[in-house]
Amino acid sequence: MFSPDAAPLDRKINLAQVATQKTRHECRYIDDFMSGQKVPRSAHDKTGGIVYFARMLDKIRLHGAGILHNDYHKNLGRGFDGRCVRFLGVEYEALRVRVQQDGTDEEILAWCFTQGWRPNEEEILVWNSFMRKRGWKDEEDGSTQELEKYKAGSGLAHRMDIATLFDYYEVDEGRRR
């Protein structure tokens, strides 16, 4: 997906050129740019050393503001969001309410630590490693098949360099080619 914030505002976008691209993935950029919908920040971004948490907070904030891209709505609180809140020992709905009350990512993570539990450095290392590789050789739980389905649906099935779900997010959301 394309984020209008990904490029300087003065950059000219040739919509005719983009529209002639052959893959669904490239054509989706037009709708996203024109609609004003946004995608969350990178899953690689860390808060308190923890990957994905900041992305989940972005999704909650963007959804609350009514500008989260529609593709993300069905998985709010599920999938990786669900894994993240379970890792921190908090309920998604309680986190959603807390995020809507405002605060920095760090303040909200501190709240999670008081409501759930605080992982130590080794647990964070294991979490980060686990999350960064999801989709790569994860046939037993279906994550690899899910990644391949997402890639095919975005016109990216030919991209062998997209080996994890984090890789997919980076390419699909326009942060990486």
N, C-alpha and C. Protein backbone atom coordinates (compact mmCIF):
# COMPACT_ATOMS: atom_id res chain seq x y z
N MET A 1 0.83 -1.17 0.00
CA MET A 1 0.00 0.00 0.00
C MET A 1 0.87 1.23 0.00
N PHE A 2 0.39 2.30 -0.53
CA PHE A 2 1.13 3.53 -0.64
C PHE A 2 0.72 4.48 0.46
N SER A 3 1.68 5.11 1.07
CA SER A 3 1.40 6.13 2.06
C SER A 3 1.78 7.48 1.47
N PRO A 4 0.88 8.46 1.44
CA PRO A 4 1.23 9.76 0.90
C PRO A 4 2.36 10.40 1.69
N ASP A 5 2.57 10.00 2.93
CA ASP A 5 3.64 10.56 3.75
C ASP A 5 4.99 9.98 3.38
N ALA A 6 5.04 8.95 2.54
CA ALA A 6 6.29 8.28 2.20
C ALA A 6 7.17 9.13 1.29
N ALA A 7 6.60 10.09 0.57
CA ALA A 7 7.36 10.92 -0.35
C ALA A 7 7.12 12.38 -0.01
N PRO A 8 8.10 13.26 -0.33
CA PRO A 8 7.87 14.69 -0.10
C PRO A 8 6.61 15.15 -0.82
N LEU A 9 5.93 16.14 -0.24
CA LEU A 9 4.68 16.61 -0.82
C LEU A 9 4.86 17.24 -2.19
N ASP A 10 6.07 17.81 -2.46
CA ASP A 10 6.27 18.47 -3.73
C ASP A 10 6.62 17.50 -4.85
N ARG A 11 6.74 16.23 -4.54
CA ARG A 11 7.04 15.21 -5.55
C ARG A 11 5.82 15.04 -6.46
N LYS A 12 6.03 15.14 -7.74
CA LYS A 12 4.94 14.96 -8.69
C LYS A 12 4.74 13.48 -8.96
N ILE A 13 3.50 13.03 -8.90
CA ILE A 13 3.18 11.64 -9.18
C ILE A 13 2.43 11.60 -10.50
N ASN A 14 2.97 10.89 -11.46
CA ASN A 14 2.34 10.75 -12.75
C ASN A 14 1.32 9.63 -12.64
N LEU A 15 0.06 9.99 -12.37
CA LEU A 15 -0.99 9.00 -12.16
C LEU A 15 -1.22 8.15 -13.40
N ALA A 16 -1.08 8.72 -14.58
CA ALA A 16 -1.27 7.93 -15.80
C ALA A 16 -0.22 6.83 -15.89
N GLN A 17 1.01 7.17 -15.53
CA GLN A 17 2.08 6.17 -15.58
C GLN A 17 1.82 5.07 -14.55
N VAL A 18 1.45 5.45 -13.34
CA VAL A 18 1.18 4.47 -12.31
C VAL A 18 0.01 3.58 -12.71
N ALA A 19 -1.02 4.17 -13.30
CA ALA A 19 -2.22 3.41 -13.68
C ALA A 19 -1.94 2.38 -14.76
N THR A 20 -0.90 2.59 -15.55
CA THR A 20 -0.62 1.63 -16.60
C THR A 20 0.21 0.44 -16.12
N GLN A 21 0.64 0.46 -14.89
CA GLN A 21 1.40 -0.67 -14.36
C GLN A 21 0.53 -1.91 -14.37
N LYS A 22 1.15 -3.08 -14.49
CA LYS A 22 0.39 -4.30 -14.73
C LYS A 22 -0.06 -5.03 -13.47
N THR A 23 0.54 -4.79 -12.34
CA THR A 23 0.15 -5.57 -11.17
C THR A 23 -0.85 -4.82 -10.32
N ARG A 24 -1.69 -5.58 -9.65
CA ARG A 24 -2.67 -5.01 -8.73
C ARG A 24 -1.95 -4.19 -7.67
N HIS A 25 -0.81 -4.68 -7.22
CA HIS A 25 -0.05 -4.01 -6.17
C HIS A 25 0.29 -2.59 -6.57
N GLU A 26 0.80 -2.39 -7.77
CA GLU A 26 1.18 -1.06 -8.20
C GLU A 26 -0.03 -0.17 -8.41
N CYS A 27 -1.14 -0.71 -8.88
CA CYS A 27 -2.34 0.09 -9.13
C CYS A 27 -3.02 0.51 -7.83
N ARG A 28 -2.85 -0.25 -6.76
CA ARG A 28 -3.47 0.11 -5.48
C ARG A 28 -2.97 1.44 -4.97
N TYR A 29 -1.75 1.83 -5.32
CA TYR A 29 -1.19 3.09 -4.85
C TYR A 29 -2.08 4.28 -5.18
N ILE A 30 -2.71 4.26 -6.34
CA ILE A 30 -3.56 5.38 -6.75
C ILE A 30 -4.71 5.55 -5.76
N ASP A 31 -5.43 4.48 -5.48
CA ASP A 31 -6.56 4.57 -4.56
C ASP A 31 -6.12 5.05 -3.18
N ASP A 32 -5.02 4.54 -2.70
CA ASP A 32 -4.56 4.91 -1.38
C ASP A 32 -4.18 6.39 -1.32
N PHE A 33 -3.48 6.88 -2.35
CA PHE A 33 -3.08 8.27 -2.38
C PHE A 33 -4.29 9.18 -2.46
N MET A 34 -5.24 8.81 -3.29
CA MET A 34 -6.42 9.65 -3.49
C MET A 34 -7.37 9.62 -2.30
N SER A 35 -7.42 8.52 -1.57
CA SER A 35 -8.39 8.38 -0.49
C SER A 35 -7.96 9.04 0.81
N GLY A 36 -6.67 9.26 0.99
CA GLY A 36 -6.18 9.81 2.24
C GLY A 36 -6.02 8.77 3.34
N GLN A 37 -6.31 7.51 3.04
CA GLN A 37 -6.12 6.46 4.03
C GLN A 37 -4.63 6.25 4.26
N LYS A 38 -4.29 5.80 5.44
CA LYS A 38 -2.88 5.63 5.80
C LYS A 38 -2.60 4.21 6.25
N VAL A 39 -1.33 3.87 6.17
CA VAL A 39 -0.86 2.58 6.65
C VAL A 39 -0.03 2.83 7.91
N PRO A 40 0.07 1.84 8.78
CA PRO A 40 0.86 2.02 9.99
C PRO A 40 2.36 2.01 9.70
N ARG A 41 3.13 2.42 10.70
CA ARG A 41 4.58 2.43 10.55
C ARG A 41 5.12 1.00 10.45
N SER A 42 6.40 0.90 10.22
CA SER A 42 7.06 -0.38 10.01
C SER A 42 6.95 -1.29 11.24
N ALA A 43 6.78 -2.57 10.97
CA ALA A 43 6.78 -3.57 12.05
C ALA A 43 8.14 -3.69 12.70
N HIS A 44 9.18 -3.22 12.01
CA HIS A 44 10.54 -3.26 12.56
C HIS A 44 10.78 -2.18 13.62
N ASP A 45 9.97 -1.13 13.62
CA ASP A 45 10.15 -0.06 14.61
C ASP A 45 9.98 -0.62 16.01
N LYS A 46 10.82 -0.16 16.92
CA LYS A 46 10.81 -0.69 18.29
C LYS A 46 10.35 0.37 19.29
N THR A 47 9.68 -0.11 20.31
CA THR A 47 9.36 0.67 21.49
C THR A 47 9.86 -0.16 22.67
N GLY A 48 10.72 0.41 23.50
CA GLY A 48 11.26 -0.34 24.62
C GLY A 48 12.00 -1.60 24.17
N GLY A 49 12.55 -1.55 22.95
CA GLY A 49 13.26 -2.69 22.40
C GLY A 49 12.38 -3.75 21.75
N ILE A 50 11.07 -3.55 21.76
CA ILE A 50 10.10 -4.54 21.27
C ILE A 50 9.62 -4.16 19.88
N VAL A 51 9.81 -5.09 18.91
CA VAL A 51 9.31 -4.85 17.56
C VAL A 51 7.79 -5.02 17.54
N TYR A 52 7.17 -4.44 16.56
CA TYR A 52 5.74 -4.54 16.23
C TYR A 52 4.83 -3.70 17.14
N PHE A 53 5.16 -3.50 18.38
CA PHE A 53 4.28 -2.78 19.31
C PHE A 53 3.89 -1.41 18.75
N ALA A 54 4.86 -0.65 18.25
CA ALA A 54 4.58 0.69 17.71
C ALA A 54 3.62 0.62 16.53
N ARG A 55 3.78 -0.40 15.68
CA ARG A 55 2.88 -0.58 14.54
C ARG A 55 1.45 -0.81 15.02
N MET A 56 1.29 -1.65 16.04
CA MET A 56 -0.03 -1.93 16.57
C MET A 56 -0.67 -0.64 17.12
N LEU A 57 0.11 0.17 17.82
CA LEU A 57 -0.42 1.43 18.33
C LEU A 57 -0.82 2.36 17.18
N ASP A 58 -0.02 2.39 16.13
CA ASP A 58 -0.38 3.20 14.96
C ASP A 58 -1.71 2.75 14.38
N LYS A 59 -1.90 1.44 14.26
CA LYS A 59 -3.15 0.92 13.72
C LYS A 59 -4.34 1.37 14.58
N ILE A 60 -4.18 1.30 15.89
CA ILE A 60 -5.25 1.72 16.79
C ILE A 60 -5.53 3.22 16.62
N ARG A 61 -4.49 4.02 16.58
CA ARG A 61 -4.67 5.48 16.45
C ARG A 61 -5.29 5.84 15.09
N LEU A 62 -4.77 5.27 14.02
CA LEU A 62 -5.29 5.57 12.69
C LEU A 62 -6.75 5.12 12.55
N HIS A 63 -7.07 3.97 13.11
CA HIS A 63 -8.45 3.48 13.07
C HIS A 63 -9.36 4.43 13.85
N GLY A 64 -8.92 4.86 15.02
CA GLY A 64 -9.70 5.79 15.83
C GLY A 64 -9.94 7.12 15.12
N ALA A 65 -8.98 7.53 14.29
CA ALA A 65 -9.12 8.78 13.53
C ALA A 65 -9.87 8.58 12.22
N GLY A 66 -10.22 7.33 11.91
CA GLY A 66 -10.97 7.04 10.70
C GLY A 66 -10.13 7.05 9.43
N ILE A 67 -8.81 6.93 9.55
CA ILE A 67 -7.97 6.99 8.35
C ILE A 67 -7.08 5.76 8.17
N LEU A 68 -7.33 4.70 8.93
CA LEU A 68 -6.60 3.46 8.72
C LEU A 68 -7.08 2.81 7.43
N HIS A 69 -6.15 2.41 6.60
CA HIS A 69 -6.52 1.76 5.34
C HIS A 69 -7.45 0.58 5.64
N ASN A 70 -8.47 0.42 4.85
CA ASN A 70 -9.49 -0.62 5.06
C ASN A 70 -8.92 -2.04 5.15
N ASP A 71 -7.81 -2.30 4.47
CA ASP A 71 -7.22 -3.64 4.49
C ASP A 71 -6.85 -4.11 5.89
N TYR A 72 -6.67 -3.19 6.82
CA TYR A 72 -6.20 -3.53 8.17
C TYR A 72 -7.34 -3.77 9.16
N HIS A 73 -8.53 -3.35 8.84
CA HIS A 73 -9.64 -3.40 9.79
C HIS A 73 -9.93 -4.81 10.30
N LYS A 74 -9.96 -5.79 9.42
CA LYS A 74 -10.38 -7.14 9.83
C LYS A 74 -9.41 -7.79 10.81
N ASN A 75 -8.16 -7.35 10.87
CA ASN A 75 -7.19 -7.97 11.76
C ASN A 75 -6.88 -7.14 13.01
N LEU A 76 -7.61 -6.08 13.23
CA LEU A 76 -7.38 -5.31 14.46
C LEU A 76 -7.62 -6.22 15.67
N GLY A 77 -6.61 -6.33 16.52
CA GLY A 77 -6.73 -7.16 17.72
C GLY A 77 -6.50 -8.64 17.46
N ARG A 78 -6.28 -9.01 16.22
CA ARG A 78 -6.07 -10.40 15.85
C ARG A 78 -4.69 -10.54 15.20
N GLY A 79 -4.33 -11.74 14.79
CA GLY A 79 -3.05 -11.93 14.11
C GLY A 79 -1.89 -11.48 14.97
N PHE A 80 -1.03 -10.65 14.39
CA PHE A 80 0.13 -10.16 15.13
C PHE A 80 -0.27 -9.26 16.30
N ASP A 81 -1.36 -8.49 16.14
CA ASP A 81 -1.85 -7.69 17.27
C ASP A 81 -2.16 -8.61 18.45
N GLY A 82 -2.85 -9.70 18.18
CA GLY A 82 -3.19 -10.66 19.23
C GLY A 82 -1.96 -11.26 19.87
N ARG A 83 -0.98 -11.62 19.04
CA ARG A 83 0.27 -12.16 19.60
C ARG A 83 0.95 -11.14 20.50
N CYS A 84 0.96 -9.89 20.07
CA CYS A 84 1.64 -8.84 20.84
C CYS A 84 0.98 -8.60 22.19
N VAL A 85 -0.35 -8.49 22.21
CA VAL A 85 -1.00 -8.26 23.51
C VAL A 85 -0.87 -9.48 24.42
N ARG A 86 -0.89 -10.68 23.85
CA ARG A 86 -0.67 -11.88 24.68
C ARG A 86 0.74 -11.91 25.23
N PHE A 87 1.72 -11.49 24.42
CA PHE A 87 3.10 -11.42 24.89
C PHE A 87 3.22 -10.48 26.09
N LEU A 88 2.48 -9.37 26.04
CA LEU A 88 2.55 -8.38 27.13
C LEU A 88 1.54 -8.65 28.24
N GLY A 89 0.68 -9.62 28.06
CA GLY A 89 -0.28 -9.99 29.10
C GLY A 89 -1.39 -8.98 29.31
N VAL A 90 -1.81 -8.29 28.24
CA VAL A 90 -2.91 -7.33 28.35
C VAL A 90 -4.00 -7.70 27.37
N GLU A 91 -5.19 -7.20 27.60
CA GLU A 91 -6.32 -7.41 26.70
C GLU A 91 -6.30 -6.32 25.62
N TYR A 92 -6.58 -6.72 24.39
CA TYR A 92 -6.57 -5.76 23.29
C TYR A 92 -7.54 -4.61 23.52
N GLU A 93 -8.74 -4.91 23.95
CA GLU A 93 -9.74 -3.85 24.14
C GLU A 93 -9.27 -2.84 25.20
N ALA A 94 -8.66 -3.31 26.27
CA ALA A 94 -8.13 -2.40 27.29
C ALA A 94 -7.01 -1.54 26.71
N LEU A 95 -6.16 -2.14 25.89
CA LEU A 95 -5.09 -1.38 25.25
C LEU A 95 -5.68 -0.34 24.30
N ARG A 96 -6.67 -0.73 23.52
CA ARG A 96 -7.31 0.21 22.58
C ARG A 96 -7.86 1.43 23.32
N VAL A 97 -8.53 1.18 24.43
CA VAL A 97 -9.07 2.29 25.23
C VAL A 97 -7.94 3.17 25.75
N ARG A 98 -6.87 2.55 26.24
CA ARG A 98 -5.73 3.32 26.77
C ARG A 98 -5.08 4.15 25.67
N VAL A 99 -4.91 3.61 24.48
CA VAL A 99 -4.30 4.36 23.38
C VAL A 99 -5.15 5.56 23.01
N GLN A 100 -6.46 5.40 23.01
CA GLN A 100 -7.35 6.49 22.66
C GLN A 100 -7.35 7.61 23.71
N GLN A 101 -6.84 7.33 24.89
CA GLN A 101 -6.71 8.35 25.94
C GLN A 101 -5.49 9.23 25.72
N ASP A 102 -4.67 8.89 24.73
CA ASP A 102 -3.47 9.63 24.36
C ASP A 102 -2.26 9.14 25.16
N GLY A 103 -1.12 9.62 24.80
CA GLY A 103 0.14 9.22 25.43
C GLY A 103 1.14 8.77 24.39
N THR A 104 2.40 8.82 24.77
CA THR A 104 3.46 8.37 23.86
C THR A 104 3.48 6.85 23.81
N ASP A 105 4.17 6.32 22.83
CA ASP A 105 4.33 4.87 22.73
C ASP A 105 4.97 4.32 24.01
N GLU A 106 5.97 5.04 24.51
CA GLU A 106 6.67 4.60 25.71
C GLU A 106 5.76 4.61 26.93
N GLU A 107 4.92 5.63 27.05
CA GLU A 107 3.97 5.69 28.17
C GLU A 107 2.96 4.55 28.10
N ILE A 108 2.53 4.24 26.90
CA ILE A 108 1.56 3.15 26.75
C ILE A 108 2.22 1.80 27.02
N LEU A 109 3.46 1.64 26.61
CA LEU A 109 4.18 0.40 26.93
C LEU A 109 4.36 0.27 28.44
N ALA A 110 4.68 1.36 29.12
CA ALA A 110 4.81 1.33 30.58
C ALA A 110 3.48 0.92 31.21
N TRP A 111 2.37 1.41 30.67
CA TRP A 111 1.05 1.02 31.16
C TRP A 111 0.86 -0.49 30.98
N CYS A 112 1.26 -1.01 29.82
CA CYS A 112 1.15 -2.45 29.57
C CYS A 112 1.93 -3.23 30.62
N PHE A 113 3.10 -2.75 30.98
CA PHE A 113 3.93 -3.43 31.98
C PHE A 113 3.23 -3.46 33.33
N THR A 114 2.48 -2.42 33.66
CA THR A 114 1.77 -2.41 34.96
C THR A 114 0.51 -3.27 34.92
N GLN A 115 -0.11 -3.39 33.74
CA GLN A 115 -1.35 -4.16 33.61
C GLN A 115 -1.09 -5.64 33.33
N GLY A 116 0.02 -5.92 32.67
CA GLY A 116 0.36 -7.29 32.28
C GLY A 116 1.66 -7.70 32.95
N TRP A 117 2.68 -7.86 32.12
CA TRP A 117 3.98 -8.20 32.68
C TRP A 117 5.07 -7.56 31.82
N ARG A 118 6.25 -7.44 32.43
CA ARG A 118 7.40 -6.82 31.77
C ARG A 118 8.38 -7.92 31.37
N PRO A 119 8.55 -8.16 30.06
CA PRO A 119 9.51 -9.17 29.63
C PRO A 119 10.94 -8.70 29.89
N ASN A 120 11.83 -9.66 30.16
CA ASN A 120 13.23 -9.31 30.35
C ASN A 120 13.93 -9.24 28.99
N GLU A 121 15.22 -8.90 28.98
CA GLU A 121 15.95 -8.74 27.72
C GLU A 121 15.95 -10.00 26.87
N GLU A 122 16.10 -11.15 27.48
CA GLU A 122 16.12 -12.40 26.72
C GLU A 122 14.75 -12.69 26.12
N GLU A 123 13.70 -12.44 26.87
CA GLU A 123 12.35 -12.66 26.34
C GLU A 123 12.05 -11.72 25.17
N ILE A 124 12.54 -10.49 25.27
CA ILE A 124 12.37 -9.53 24.16
C ILE A 124 13.16 -10.00 22.94
N LEU A 125 14.37 -10.50 23.15
CA LEU A 125 15.17 -11.03 22.05
C LEU A 125 14.45 -12.18 21.35
N VAL A 126 13.90 -13.09 22.14
CA VAL A 126 13.16 -14.23 21.56
C VAL A 126 11.93 -13.73 20.81
N TRP A 127 11.18 -12.81 21.41
CA TRP A 127 10.00 -12.23 20.75
C TRP A 127 10.37 -11.60 19.42
N ASN A 128 11.39 -10.72 19.44
CA ASN A 128 11.79 -10.01 18.23
C ASN A 128 12.23 -10.99 17.14
N SER A 129 12.99 -11.98 17.50
CA SER A 129 13.46 -12.97 16.52
C SER A 129 12.27 -13.76 15.96
N PHE A 130 11.37 -14.16 16.82
CA PHE A 130 10.17 -14.89 16.40
C PHE A 130 9.34 -14.06 15.42
N MET A 131 9.07 -12.82 15.78
CA MET A 131 8.21 -11.99 14.95
C MET A 131 8.85 -11.65 13.61
N ARG A 132 10.14 -11.35 13.61
CA ARG A 132 10.82 -10.98 12.37
C ARG A 132 10.85 -12.10 11.35
N LYS A 133 10.77 -13.34 11.78
CA LYS A 133 10.87 -14.46 10.84
C LYS A 133 9.51 -15.08 10.49
N ARG A 134 8.43 -14.58 11.02
CA ARG A 134 7.11 -15.17 10.75
C ARG A 134 6.85 -15.21 9.25
N GLY A 135 6.40 -16.36 8.81
CA GLY A 135 6.13 -16.59 7.40
C GLY A 135 7.24 -17.37 6.71
N TRP A 136 8.42 -17.38 7.29
CA TRP A 136 9.55 -18.09 6.71
C TRP A 136 9.61 -19.50 7.28
N LYS A 137 9.29 -20.46 6.46
CA LYS A 137 9.30 -21.88 6.85
C LYS A 137 8.39 -22.15 8.04
N ASP A 138 7.22 -21.54 8.03
CA ASP A 138 6.21 -21.73 9.09
C ASP A 138 5.01 -22.48 8.54
N GLU A 139 5.27 -23.59 7.86
CA GLU A 139 4.20 -24.36 7.23
C GLU A 139 3.25 -24.98 8.25
N GLU A 140 3.78 -25.36 9.42
CA GLU A 140 2.95 -26.07 10.41
C GLU A 140 1.74 -25.26 10.88
N ASP A 141 1.90 -23.96 11.02
CA ASP A 141 0.76 -23.16 11.49
C ASP A 141 0.10 -22.36 10.37
N GLY A 142 0.56 -22.54 9.14
CA GLY A 142 -0.06 -21.87 8.00
C GLY A 142 0.46 -20.49 7.69
N SER A 143 1.44 -19.99 8.44
CA SER A 143 1.94 -18.63 8.20
C SER A 143 2.61 -18.49 6.84
N THR A 144 3.34 -19.51 6.41
CA THR A 144 3.98 -19.45 5.10
C THR A 144 2.92 -19.37 4.01
N GLN A 145 1.88 -20.17 4.13
CA GLN A 145 0.81 -20.15 3.14
C GLN A 145 0.08 -18.80 3.15
N GLU A 146 -0.10 -18.24 4.33
CA GLU A 146 -0.74 -16.92 4.44
C GLU A 146 0.10 -15.86 3.73
N LEU A 147 1.42 -15.89 3.95
CA LEU A 147 2.32 -14.95 3.29
C LEU A 147 2.21 -15.09 1.77
N GLU A 148 2.24 -16.32 1.28
CA GLU A 148 2.15 -16.54 -0.17
C GLU A 148 0.81 -16.04 -0.72
N LYS A 149 -0.25 -16.20 0.04
CA LYS A 149 -1.57 -15.70 -0.38
C LYS A 149 -1.55 -14.16 -0.45
N TYR A 150 -0.97 -13.51 0.54
CA TYR A 150 -0.87 -12.04 0.53
C TYR A 150 -0.04 -11.57 -0.66
N LYS A 151 1.09 -12.23 -0.89
CA LYS A 151 1.94 -11.86 -2.01
C LYS A 151 1.19 -11.99 -3.33
N ALA A 152 0.50 -13.11 -3.52
CA ALA A 152 -0.24 -13.32 -4.76
C ALA A 152 -1.33 -12.26 -4.93
N GLY A 153 -2.03 -11.94 -3.85
CA GLY A 153 -3.10 -10.95 -3.91
C GLY A 153 -2.61 -9.55 -4.20
N SER A 154 -1.33 -9.29 -3.94
CA SER A 154 -0.75 -7.97 -4.18
C SER A 154 0.10 -7.94 -5.44
N GLY A 155 0.07 -9.02 -6.22
CA GLY A 155 0.89 -9.06 -7.43
C GLY A 155 2.37 -9.24 -7.15
N LEU A 156 2.69 -9.81 -6.01
CA LEU A 156 4.09 -9.95 -5.60
C LEU A 156 4.54 -11.41 -5.50
N ALA A 157 3.77 -12.34 -6.05
CA ALA A 157 4.08 -13.76 -5.92
C ALA A 157 5.45 -14.10 -6.48
N HIS A 158 5.91 -13.35 -7.45
CA HIS A 158 7.21 -13.59 -8.08
C HIS A 158 8.40 -13.13 -7.23
N ARG A 159 8.14 -12.40 -6.16
CA ARG A 159 9.20 -11.79 -5.35
C ARG A 159 9.72 -12.78 -4.31
N MET A 160 10.81 -13.46 -4.65
CA MET A 160 11.41 -14.44 -3.73
C MET A 160 12.14 -13.76 -2.57
N ASP A 161 12.45 -12.47 -2.71
CA ASP A 161 13.11 -11.74 -1.63
C ASP A 161 12.15 -11.41 -0.49
N ILE A 162 10.87 -11.59 -0.71
CA ILE A 162 9.89 -11.36 0.36
C ILE A 162 9.66 -12.71 1.04
N ALA A 163 10.42 -12.93 2.11
CA ALA A 163 10.44 -14.24 2.77
C ALA A 163 9.69 -14.26 4.09
N THR A 164 9.38 -13.09 4.63
CA THR A 164 8.67 -13.02 5.92
C THR A 164 7.52 -12.04 5.80
N LEU A 165 6.63 -12.08 6.76
CA LEU A 165 5.52 -11.12 6.77
C LEU A 165 6.04 -9.69 6.98
N PHE A 166 7.08 -9.51 7.79
CA PHE A 166 7.67 -8.18 7.94
C PHE A 166 8.20 -7.69 6.60
N ASP A 167 8.86 -8.56 5.80
CA ASP A 167 9.32 -8.18 4.46
C ASP A 167 8.13 -7.73 3.61
N TYR A 168 7.06 -8.50 3.67
CA TYR A 168 5.87 -8.19 2.88
C TYR A 168 5.33 -6.80 3.23
N TYR A 169 5.22 -6.51 4.52
CA TYR A 169 4.72 -5.20 4.93
C TYR A 169 5.57 -4.08 4.34
N GLU A 170 6.89 -4.24 4.40
CA GLU A 170 7.79 -3.20 3.91
C GLU A 170 7.57 -2.92 2.43
N VAL A 171 7.42 -3.97 1.64
CA VAL A 171 7.23 -3.80 0.19
C VAL A 171 5.81 -3.33 -0.09
N ASP A 172 4.83 -4.00 0.49
CA ASP A 172 3.43 -3.69 0.20
C ASP A 172 3.07 -2.26 0.60
N GLU A 173 3.69 -1.76 1.65
CA GLU A 173 3.37 -0.41 2.15
C GLU A 173 4.28 0.66 1.58
N GLY A 174 5.15 0.27 0.65
CA GLY A 174 5.95 1.26 -0.08
C GLY A 174 7.22 1.73 0.60
N ARG A 175 7.66 1.10 1.66
CA ARG A 175 8.90 1.50 2.32
C ARG A 175 10.13 0.87 1.66
N ARG A 176 9.89 -0.19 0.90
CA ARG A 176 10.97 -0.91 0.22
C ARG A 176 10.47 -1.34 -1.14
N ARG A 177 11.32 -1.32 -2.11
CA ARG A 177 10.95 -1.78 -3.46
C ARG A 177 11.18 -3.25 -3.58
